[in-house]
């Protein structure tokens, strides 16, 4: 259990290190400019990791106990950032070239909604 908590903390730190928000034209939020990560981001949810595959427009679901891909979920163009809700029921994936966010139901590993957002969304964070 302690190892899981430590791994979760490391993943959260890594995700927040790569998070960038595209706020062009938004008067209420200051733009944040961070360097584009060179590798896909992943976030652990229970016993699964969700990894964005930028070039193929998919998200791989990995069983962390067996280190095998158990599902590949089609999303929009150039998925980049991913965040899991605190209750572990949804994954939010930013799609950089589509200017959208895909909402994945982690129980069924299907996209349940696609949300239009600003130009080039690069990262996502969820507050508790």
C-alpha atoms as a PDB file:
ATOM      1  CA  UNK A   1       0.000   0.000   0.000  1.00  0.00           C
ATOM      2  CA  UNK A   2       2.829   2.383   0.897  1.00  0.00           C
ATOM      3  CA  UNK A   3       4.502   1.681  -2.472  1.00  0.00           C
ATOM      4  CA  UNK A   4       1.259   2.539  -4.279  1.00  0.00           C
ATOM      5  CA  UNK A   5       0.986   5.839  -2.384  1.00  0.00           C
ATOM      6  CA  UNK A   6       4.603   6.709  -3.187  1.00  0.00           C
ATOM      7  CA  UNK A   7       4.134   5.854  -6.881  1.00  0.00           C
ATOM      8  CA  UNK A   8       0.970   7.960  -6.991  1.00  0.00           C
ATOM      9  CA  UNK A   9       2.846  10.925  -5.502  1.00  0.00           C
ATOM     10  CA  UNK A  10       5.643  10.543  -8.069  1.00  0.00           C
ATOM     11  CA  UNK A  11       3.152  10.355 -10.949  1.00  0.00           C
ATOM     12  CA  UNK A  12       1.291  13.451  -9.689  1.00  0.00           C
ATOM     13  CA  UNK A  13       4.569  15.370  -9.440  1.00  0.00           C
ATOM     14  CA  UNK A  14       5.563  14.312 -12.966  1.00  0.00           C
ATOM     15  CA  UNK A  15       2.177  15.219 -14.420  1.00  0.00           C
ATOM     16  CA  UNK A  16       2.216  18.674 -12.834  1.00  0.00           C
ATOM     17  CA  UNK A  17       5.759  19.137 -14.151  1.00  0.00           C
ATOM     18  CA  UNK A  18       4.482  18.730 -17.712  1.00  0.00           C
ATOM     19  CA  UNK A  19       1.141  20.516 -17.409  1.00  0.00           C
ATOM     20  CA  UNK A  20       0.660  23.485 -19.668  1.00  0.00           C
ATOM     21  CA  UNK A  21      -2.579  25.331 -20.235  1.00  0.00           C
ATOM     22  CA  UNK A  22      -3.512  27.083 -23.442  1.00  0.00           C
ATOM     23  CA  UNK A  23      -5.379  30.213 -22.402  1.00  0.00           C
ATOM     24  CA  UNK A  24      -5.044  32.389 -25.470  1.00  0.00           C
ATOM     25  CA  UNK A  25      -7.888  34.860 -25.472  1.00  0.00           C
ATOM     26  CA  UNK A  26      -9.059  33.976 -21.963  1.00  0.00           C
ATOM     27  CA  UNK A  27      -9.170  37.159 -19.908  1.00  0.00           C
ATOM     28  CA  UNK A  28      -9.548  35.407 -16.557  1.00  0.00           C
ATOM     29  CA  UNK A  29      -6.477  33.157 -16.703  1.00  0.00           C
ATOM     30  CA  UNK A  30      -2.845  34.007 -17.362  1.00  0.00           C
ATOM     31  CA  UNK A  31      -1.235  31.891 -20.129  1.00  0.00           C
ATOM     32  CA  UNK A  32       1.351  29.333 -19.038  1.00  0.00           C
ATOM     33  CA  UNK A  33       4.103  28.417 -21.455  1.00  0.00           C
ATOM     34  CA  UNK A  34       6.038  25.219 -20.780  1.00  0.00           C
ATOM     35  CA  UNK A  35       8.240  23.182 -23.085  1.00  0.00           C
ATOM     36  CA  UNK A  36       6.383  20.441 -24.967  1.00  0.00           C
ATOM     37  CA  UNK A  37       7.196  17.057 -23.377  1.00  0.00           C
ATOM     38  CA  UNK A  38       9.006  14.668 -25.689  1.00  0.00           C
ATOM     39  CA  UNK A  39       7.285  11.554 -24.335  1.00  0.00           C
ATOM     40  CA  UNK A  40       3.636  10.770 -23.793  1.00  0.00           C
ATOM     41  CA  UNK A  41       2.287  11.393 -20.330  1.00  0.00           C
ATOM     42  CA  UNK A  42       0.752   8.695 -18.185  1.00  0.00           C
ATOM     43  CA  UNK A  43      -1.288   8.685 -15.013  1.00  0.00           C
ATOM     44  CA  UNK A  44      -2.042   5.660 -12.859  1.00  0.00           C
ATOM     45  CA  UNK A  45      -5.665   4.893 -11.956  1.00  0.00           C
ATOM     46  CA  UNK A  46      -6.105   2.033  -9.495  1.00  0.00           C
ATOM     47  CA  UNK A  47      -4.367  -0.846 -11.298  1.00  0.00           C
ATOM     48  CA  UNK A  48      -4.210   0.814 -14.707  1.00  0.00           C
ATOM     49  CA  UNK A  49      -2.069   3.424 -16.404  1.00  0.00           C
ATOM     50  CA  UNK A  50      -3.470   5.621 -19.187  1.00  0.00           C
ATOM     51  CA  UNK A  51      -0.840   6.591 -21.771  1.00  0.00           C
ATOM     52  CA  UNK A  52      -1.413   9.065 -24.593  1.00  0.00           C
ATOM     53  CA  UNK A  53      -0.199   8.020 -28.046  1.00  0.00           C
ATOM     54  CA  UNK A  54       0.249  11.363 -29.774  1.00  0.00           C
ATOM     55  CA  UNK A  55       0.881  10.135 -33.323  1.00  0.00           C
ATOM     56  CA  UNK A  56      -1.877   7.525 -33.470  1.00  0.00           C
ATOM     57  CA  UNK A  57      -4.668   9.483 -31.762  1.00  0.00           C
ATOM     58  CA  UNK A  58      -5.207   6.812 -29.133  1.00  0.00           C
ATOM     59  CA  UNK A  59      -4.810   6.141 -25.422  1.00  0.00           C
ATOM     60  CA  UNK A  60      -3.272   2.843 -24.293  1.00  0.00           C
ATOM     61  CA  UNK A  61      -4.596   1.296 -21.105  1.00  0.00           C
ATOM     62  CA  UNK A  62      -1.913  -0.695 -19.283  1.00  0.00           C
ATOM     63  CA  UNK A  63      -2.517  -3.223 -16.520  1.00  0.00           C
ATOM     64  CA  UNK A  64       0.206  -2.213 -14.075  1.00  0.00           C
ATOM     65  CA  UNK A  65       0.304  -5.640 -12.430  1.00  0.00           C
ATOM     66  CA  UNK A  66       1.138  -7.464 -15.670  1.00  0.00           C
ATOM     67  CA  UNK A  67       2.616  -4.535 -17.650  1.00  0.00           C
ATOM     68  CA  UNK A  68       0.459  -5.362 -20.644  1.00  0.00           C
ATOM     69  CA  UNK A  69      -1.787  -3.192 -22.818  1.00  0.00           C
ATOM     70  CA  UNK A  70      -5.371  -4.245 -22.114  1.00  0.00           C
ATOM     71  CA  UNK A  71      -7.159  -1.667 -24.290  1.00  0.00           C
ATOM     72  CA  UNK A  72      -6.496   0.980 -26.911  1.00  0.00           C
ATOM     73  CA  UNK A  73      -9.007   3.808 -26.956  1.00  0.00           C
ATOM     74  CA  UNK A  74      -9.415   6.019 -30.048  1.00  0.00           C
ATOM     75  CA  UNK A  75      -9.601   9.712 -29.136  1.00  0.00           C
ATOM     76  CA  UNK A  76      -9.086  12.861 -31.240  1.00  0.00           C
ATOM     77  CA  UNK A  77      -5.921  14.135 -33.001  1.00  0.00           C
ATOM     78  CA  UNK A  78      -2.622  14.349 -31.060  1.00  0.00           C
ATOM     79  CA  UNK A  79      -3.636  13.380 -27.524  1.00  0.00           C
ATOM     80  CA  UNK A  80      -1.152  14.804 -25.072  1.00  0.00           C
ATOM     81  CA  UNK A  81      -2.137  15.332 -21.445  1.00  0.00           C
ATOM     82  CA  UNK A  82      -4.137  12.971 -19.257  1.00  0.00           C
ATOM     83  CA  UNK A  83      -5.618  13.292 -15.767  1.00  0.00           C
ATOM     84  CA  UNK A  84      -7.761  10.944 -13.695  1.00  0.00           C
ATOM     85  CA  UNK A  85     -10.610  12.240 -11.504  1.00  0.00           C
ATOM     86  CA  UNK A  86     -10.075  11.829  -7.741  1.00  0.00           C
ATOM     87  CA  UNK A  87     -12.768   9.133  -7.611  1.00  0.00           C
ATOM     88  CA  UNK A  88     -11.023   7.234 -10.429  1.00  0.00           C
ATOM     89  CA  UNK A  89     -14.079   7.058 -12.699  1.00  0.00           C
ATOM     90  CA  UNK A  90     -13.016   9.329 -15.553  1.00  0.00           C
ATOM     91  CA  UNK A  91      -9.851  10.145 -17.497  1.00  0.00           C
ATOM     92  CA  UNK A  92      -9.616  13.528 -19.229  1.00  0.00           C
ATOM     93  CA  UNK A  93      -7.332  13.621 -22.286  1.00  0.00           C
ATOM     94  CA  UNK A  94      -6.281  16.805 -24.082  1.00  0.00           C
ATOM     95  CA  UNK A  95      -6.214  16.499 -27.883  1.00  0.00           C
ATOM     96  CA  UNK A  96      -3.732  19.091 -29.108  1.00  0.00           C
ATOM     97  CA  UNK A  97      -4.555  19.206 -32.840  1.00  0.00           C
ATOM     98  CA  UNK A  98      -8.323  18.764 -32.410  1.00  0.00           C
ATOM     99  CA  UNK A  99      -8.653  21.497 -29.749  1.00  0.00           C
ATOM    100  CA  UNK A 100     -10.747  19.136 -27.652  1.00  0.00           C
ATOM    101  CA  UNK A 101     -10.720  17.121 -24.445  1.00  0.00           C
ATOM    102  CA  UNK A 102     -11.889  13.493 -24.535  1.00  0.00           C
ATOM    103  CA  UNK A 103     -13.619  12.151 -21.433  1.00  0.00           C
ATOM    104  CA  UNK A 104     -13.007   8.432 -20.916  1.00  0.00           C
ATOM    105  CA  UNK A 105     -15.129   6.206 -18.666  1.00  0.00           C
ATOM    106  CA  UNK A 106     -12.416   4.049 -17.065  1.00  0.00           C
ATOM    107  CA  UNK A 107     -14.901   1.261 -16.285  1.00  0.00           C
ATOM    108  CA  UNK A 108     -15.695   0.669 -19.961  1.00  0.00           C
ATOM    109  CA  UNK A 109     -12.589   2.328 -21.483  1.00  0.00           C
ATOM    110  CA  UNK A 110     -14.756   4.268 -23.903  1.00  0.00           C
ATOM    111  CA  UNK A 111     -14.999   7.961 -24.744  1.00  0.00           C
ATOM    112  CA  UNK A 112     -18.229   9.260 -23.220  1.00  0.00           C
ATOM    113  CA  UNK A 113     -17.829  12.931 -24.183  1.00  0.00           C
ATOM    114  CA  UNK A 114     -15.690  15.235 -26.292  1.00  0.00           C
ATOM    115  CA  UNK A 115     -15.370  18.823 -25.089  1.00  0.00           C
ATOM    116  CA  UNK A 116     -14.303  21.645 -27.451  1.00  0.00           C
ATOM    117  CA  UNK A 117     -11.676  23.910 -25.844  1.00  0.00           C
ATOM    118  CA  UNK A 118      -9.147  26.554 -26.962  1.00  0.00           C
ATOM    119  CA  UNK A 119      -6.307  26.159 -29.443  1.00  0.00           C
ATOM    120  CA  UNK A 120      -3.738  23.419 -28.785  1.00  0.00           C
ATOM    121  CA  UNK A 121      -4.642  22.068 -25.343  1.00  0.00           C
ATOM    122  CA  UNK A 122      -1.448  20.554 -23.984  1.00  0.00           C
ATOM    123  CA  UNK A 123      -2.085  19.481 -20.415  1.00  0.00           C
ATOM    124  CA  UNK A 124      -4.826  18.951 -17.887  1.00  0.00           C
ATOM    125  CA  UNK A 125      -5.093  18.921 -14.102  1.00  0.00           C
ATOM    126  CA  UNK A 126      -8.005  18.043 -11.855  1.00  0.00           C
ATOM    127  CA  UNK A 127      -8.491  19.606  -8.442  1.00  0.00           C
ATOM    128  CA  UNK A 128      -9.847  17.502  -5.601  1.00  0.00           C
END
